[in-house]
Amino acid sequence: MAIPLYDSQPARRVPWVTYLLVAANVVVFLLTPMANFATWYGDGGVRQCRANEFILEHGAIPRELTTGRQHPIPPEIAHRCGEAAFDKLPWVSAFESMFLHSGVLHLLGNLVVLFAVGMGLEDRLGRWRYLLAYLLFGLAAVYGFAYTYPDSGTPLIGASGAIFGVLGAYLVLNPRGRIVSLLPPVIVIRLPVWVVLGGYFVIQWLSLGDTESNVAYVAHIFGFVAGALFALLARHAGPARRIVALDRG
């Protein structure tokens, strides 16, 4: 699978929002028990318990999102780690989960793609609209997954739902573009956007039957579709805004 490195079309402005999102994901990760940097969570089994409790508190759990109320900690975790006392608002966890990652590889995999494609989308949408779109893509992915598996108690974490939304939006807004990509192990090549980003979507779709994976393929698909729909609306609205601007001039 090709790994996007950067947009071959130079941006017209500094992509501050993309930089901010990348930095926010890194900082949040370093402050969680999933990172070795956060030594105050303890070591060994104690740290693992803190990580489980942290994810349960801040991760997006489908049965909590669909019912709107917090559920008890699973018995197996409570037995091993003890009862954890926290009050949780499920809708808030839908936002929080977008900035949590299970490990370094999970984090880096997401941020490489966000950095490569996000700058181009920010350049086309503008900073504030891009930030709003990113959050909406993430919510679409989280709630799409939740209502697909409404009884699931497994927490959903990661920025990938929102990032797949960025991929879908970019593909619609710049279908003829090219992205410099890495073909493992060491081949760097400039590929059409539809090959790289469309390939990501196809892989998620073909992986839906993989019941043993811990990857939320359904969330990725919902995020991608949300991004594509948003971009279609944005592209449709673009000429009207330009006409109004010309009339005012």
Protein backbone atom coordinates (compact mmCIF):
# COMPACT_ATOMS: atom_id res chain seq x y z
CA MET A 1 0.00 0.00 0.00
CA ALA A 2 1.32 3.45 -0.95
CA ILE A 3 2.01 5.77 1.99
CA PRO A 4 1.32 9.44 1.12
CA LEU A 5 4.24 11.75 1.99
CA TYR A 6 3.18 15.14 0.69
CA ASP A 7 0.98 16.89 -1.83
CA SER A 8 2.89 17.62 -5.02
CA GLN A 9 0.88 20.83 -5.46
CA PRO A 10 2.41 23.55 -3.22
CA ALA A 11 0.14 25.22 -0.66
CA ARG A 12 -0.61 28.93 -0.98
CA ARG A 13 -0.60 29.55 2.77
CA VAL A 14 0.98 28.12 5.91
CA PRO A 15 -1.21 25.17 7.05
CA TRP A 16 -1.42 26.24 10.69
CA VAL A 17 -4.48 24.12 11.48
CA THR A 18 -2.83 20.95 10.20
CA TYR A 19 0.25 21.75 12.26
CA LEU A 20 -1.97 22.38 15.28
CA LEU A 21 -3.83 19.08 14.86
CA VAL A 22 -0.59 17.14 14.52
CA ALA A 23 0.88 18.86 17.60
CA ALA A 24 -2.30 18.33 19.62
CA ASN A 25 -2.33 14.61 18.88
CA VAL A 26 1.34 14.27 19.86
CA VAL A 27 0.99 16.26 23.10
CA VAL A 28 -2.16 14.42 24.17
CA PHE A 29 -0.50 11.07 23.49
CA LEU A 30 2.55 11.98 25.59
CA LEU A 31 0.27 12.85 28.51
CA THR A 32 -1.63 9.55 28.45
CA PRO A 33 -0.67 6.25 30.11
CA MET A 34 -0.26 4.73 26.63
CA ALA A 35 3.02 6.66 26.26
CA ASN A 36 6.20 5.71 28.11
CA PHE A 37 6.87 9.41 28.60
CA ALA A 38 4.08 9.65 31.19
CA THR A 39 5.96 8.00 34.05
CA TRP A 40 3.52 9.25 36.71
CA TYR A 41 1.09 6.47 35.77
CA GLY A 42 3.42 3.85 37.25
CA ASP A 43 4.92 0.74 35.69
CA GLY A 44 3.94 -2.78 34.71
CA GLY A 45 0.48 -3.94 35.74
CA VAL A 46 -0.34 -0.66 37.45
CA ARG A 47 0.31 1.27 34.26
CA GLN A 48 -1.74 -1.18 32.21
CA CYS A 49 -4.67 -0.74 34.58
CA ARG A 50 -4.39 3.04 34.34
CA ALA A 51 -4.33 2.77 30.54
CA ASN A 52 -7.45 0.57 30.50
CA GLU A 53 -9.29 2.93 32.81
CA PHE A 54 -8.14 6.00 30.83
CA ILE A 55 -9.44 4.54 27.57
CA LEU A 56 -12.75 3.57 29.18
CA GLU A 57 -13.13 7.09 30.56
CA HIS A 58 -12.19 9.02 27.42
CA GLY A 59 -12.77 6.55 24.59
CA ALA A 60 -15.98 6.49 22.55
CA ILE A 61 -17.96 3.40 23.58
CA PRO A 62 -20.81 2.59 21.16
CA ARG A 63 -23.38 1.47 23.76
CA GLU A 64 -22.77 4.67 25.72
CA LEU A 65 -23.11 6.87 22.64
CA THR A 66 -26.33 5.20 21.54
CA THR A 67 -27.94 5.25 25.00
CA GLY A 68 -26.52 8.58 26.14
CA ARG A 69 -25.41 7.25 29.53
CA GLN A 70 -22.27 5.89 31.14
CA HIS A 71 -21.99 2.14 31.62
CA PRO A 72 -20.12 0.27 34.40
CA ILE A 73 -16.53 -0.81 33.90
CA PRO A 74 -16.34 -4.37 32.46
CA PRO A 75 -16.13 -6.96 35.27
CA GLU A 76 -12.82 -8.41 34.07
CA ILE A 77 -11.12 -4.99 34.30
CA ALA A 78 -12.80 -4.14 37.62
CA HIS A 79 -11.65 -7.48 39.06
CA ARG A 80 -8.06 -6.98 37.95
CA CYS A 81 -7.70 -3.23 38.50
CA GLY A 82 -10.45 -2.36 40.96
CA GLU A 83 -13.39 -0.02 40.45
CA ALA A 84 -12.48 3.35 38.91
CA ALA A 85 -14.58 6.34 39.88
CA PHE A 86 -15.21 8.84 37.10
CA ASP A 87 -18.17 10.67 35.61
CA LYS A 88 -18.38 10.55 31.85
CA LEU A 89 -20.43 12.39 29.25
CA PRO A 90 -20.60 10.06 26.23
CA TRP A 91 -20.95 12.87 23.67
CA VAL A 92 -17.80 14.53 25.04
CA SER A 93 -15.91 11.26 24.68
CA ALA A 94 -16.78 11.30 20.96
CA PHE A 95 -14.51 14.36 20.65
CA GLU A 96 -11.88 13.15 23.11
CA SER A 97 -11.46 9.82 21.35
CA MET A 98 -10.23 11.57 18.18
CA PHE A 99 -7.04 12.61 19.98
CA LEU A 100 -6.20 9.32 21.71
CA HIS A 101 -3.91 6.61 20.36
CA SER A 102 -2.98 3.16 21.64
CA GLY A 103 0.72 3.42 20.85
CA VAL A 104 3.48 5.15 18.90
CA LEU A 105 2.86 3.26 15.65
CA HIS A 106 -0.86 4.01 15.82
CA LEU A 107 -0.06 7.70 16.31
CA LEU A 108 2.61 7.97 13.62
CA GLY A 109 0.55 6.08 11.04
CA ASN A 110 -2.30 8.54 11.43
CA LEU A 111 -0.21 11.71 11.57
CA VAL A 112 1.86 10.90 8.48
CA VAL A 113 -1.33 10.68 6.41
CA LEU A 114 -2.86 13.77 8.05
CA PHE A 115 0.28 15.81 7.39
CA ALA A 116 0.53 14.65 3.77
CA VAL A 117 -3.07 15.33 2.77
CA GLY A 118 -4.36 17.76 5.39
CA MET A 119 -2.21 20.64 4.20
CA GLY A 120 -3.73 20.50 0.73
CA LEU A 121 -7.29 20.31 2.03
CA GLU A 122 -6.72 23.19 4.44
CA ASP A 123 -5.37 25.25 1.55
CA ARG A 124 -8.56 24.61 -0.43
CA LEU A 125 -11.14 24.99 2.34
CA GLY A 126 -9.55 27.68 4.46
CA ARG A 127 -8.44 27.29 8.06
CA TRP A 128 -11.68 27.58 10.01
CA ARG A 129 -13.79 25.58 7.60
CA TYR A 130 -11.10 22.90 7.51
CA LEU A 131 -10.99 22.66 11.31
CA LEU A 132 -14.77 22.41 11.54
CA ALA A 133 -14.83 19.81 8.77
CA TYR A 134 -12.16 17.73 10.50
CA LEU A 135 -14.18 17.56 13.71
CA LEU A 136 -17.38 16.77 11.82
CA PHE A 137 -15.65 13.95 9.92
CA GLY A 138 -14.47 12.50 13.22
CA LEU A 139 -17.95 12.66 14.73
CA ALA A 140 -19.47 11.03 11.64
CA ALA A 141 -16.96 8.20 11.92
CA VAL A 142 -17.50 7.70 15.67
CA TYR A 143 -21.30 7.80 15.58
CA GLY A 144 -21.44 5.79 12.36
CA PHE A 145 -19.46 3.06 14.06
CA ALA A 146 -21.58 3.32 17.22
CA TYR A 147 -24.90 2.89 15.43
CA THR A 148 -23.49 0.04 13.35
CA TYR A 149 -22.51 -1.79 16.56
CA PRO A 150 -24.85 -0.25 19.17
CA ASP A 151 -24.31 -2.97 21.78
CA SER A 152 -20.53 -2.91 21.65
CA GLY A 153 -18.64 -2.06 24.84
CA THR A 154 -15.26 -1.78 23.12
CA PRO A 155 -13.85 1.78 23.23
CA LEU A 156 -13.05 3.47 19.95
CA ILE A 157 -9.95 5.69 19.90
CA GLY A 158 -7.80 7.30 17.22
CA ALA A 159 -7.79 10.12 14.71
CA SER A 160 -8.22 7.82 11.72
CA GLY A 161 -11.97 8.41 11.30
CA ALA A 162 -11.42 12.15 10.94
CA ILE A 163 -8.36 11.60 8.75
CA PHE A 164 -10.29 9.33 6.39
CA GLY A 165 -12.76 12.19 6.11
CA VAL A 166 -9.86 14.41 5.03
CA LEU A 167 -8.93 11.79 2.41
CA GLY A 168 -12.48 11.65 1.04
CA ALA A 169 -12.81 15.43 0.88
CA TYR A 170 -9.45 15.89 -0.78
CA LEU A 171 -10.20 13.23 -3.40
CA VAL A 172 -13.42 15.01 -4.40
CA LEU A 173 -11.91 18.51 -4.44
CA ASN A 174 -8.72 17.55 -6.27
CA PRO A 175 -9.39 14.34 -8.23
CA ARG A 176 -6.70 15.02 -10.83
CA GLY A 177 -3.97 15.87 -8.35
CA ARG A 178 -0.90 13.83 -7.53
CA ILE A 179 0.62 12.83 -4.22
CA VAL A 180 4.25 11.94 -3.62
CA SER A 181 4.06 8.53 -1.96
CA LEU A 182 6.30 5.84 -0.55
CA LEU A 183 6.01 2.34 -1.95
CA PRO A 184 7.65 0.10 0.67
CA PRO A 185 10.41 -0.41 1.20
CA VAL A 186 12.20 2.55 -0.44
CA ILE A 187 10.47 3.61 -3.67
CA VAL A 188 9.26 7.23 -3.73
CA ILE A 189 6.89 7.97 -6.59
CA ARG A 190 4.32 10.57 -7.58
CA LEU A 191 0.92 8.87 -7.94
CA PRO A 192 -2.55 10.11 -8.92
CA VAL A 193 -4.74 11.08 -5.96
CA TRP A 194 -7.46 8.62 -6.93
CA VAL A 195 -4.97 5.73 -6.87
CA VAL A 196 -3.60 6.50 -3.40
CA LEU A 197 -6.69 7.78 -1.58
CA GLY A 198 -9.15 5.63 -3.49
CA GLY A 199 -6.95 2.66 -2.67
CA TYR A 200 -7.24 3.42 1.04
CA PHE A 201 -11.03 3.35 0.78
CA VAL A 202 -11.08 0.10 -1.19
CA ILE A 203 -8.84 -1.59 1.38
CA GLN A 204 -11.20 -0.56 4.21
CA TRP A 205 -14.18 -1.89 2.28
CA LEU A 206 -12.52 -5.22 1.50
CA SER A 207 -11.46 -5.59 5.15
CA LEU A 208 -14.98 -5.33 6.59
CA GLY A 209 -15.21 -9.09 6.97
CA ASP A 210 -12.07 -9.30 9.12
CA THR A 211 -13.66 -10.01 12.49
CA GLU A 212 -10.32 -10.68 14.23
CA SER A 213 -8.85 -7.24 13.56
CA ASN A 214 -9.00 -4.43 16.12
CA VAL A 215 -9.15 -1.83 13.33
CA ALA A 216 -12.45 0.08 13.06
CA TYR A 217 -12.90 -0.26 9.29
CA VAL A 218 -16.54 0.83 9.51
CA ALA A 219 -15.53 4.09 11.19
CA HIS A 220 -13.02 4.75 8.41
CA ILE A 221 -15.67 4.24 5.77
CA PHE A 222 -18.14 6.56 7.50
CA GLY A 223 -15.42 9.19 7.84
CA PHE A 224 -14.41 8.91 4.18
CA VAL A 225 -18.00 9.16 2.95
CA ALA A 226 -18.67 12.14 5.25
CA GLY A 227 -15.62 13.88 3.82
CA ALA A 228 -16.65 13.19 0.23
CA LEU A 229 -20.19 14.48 0.83
CA PHE A 230 -18.88 17.59 2.58
CA ALA A 231 -16.56 18.30 -0.34
CA LEU A 232 -19.38 17.88 -2.87
CA LEU A 233 -21.44 20.44 -0.97
CA ALA A 234 -18.47 22.78 -0.61
CA ARG A 235 -17.64 22.52 -4.30
CA HIS A 236 -21.24 23.13 -5.26
CA ALA A 237 -21.42 26.21 -3.02
CA GLY A 238 -18.10 27.63 -4.26
CA PRO A 239 -19.25 29.33 -7.50
CA ALA A 240 -22.22 30.99 -5.74
CA ARG A 241 -19.93 32.57 -3.17
CA ARG A 242 -17.62 33.84 -5.89
CA ILE A 243 -20.53 35.41 -7.80
CA VAL A 244 -21.72 37.20 -4.66
CA ALA A 245 -18.23 38.49 -4.05
CA LEU A 246 -18.01 39.81 -7.59
CA ASP A 247 -21.38 41.52 -7.31
CA ARG A 248 -20.28 43.25 -4.13
CA GLY A 249 -17.10 44.38 -5.80
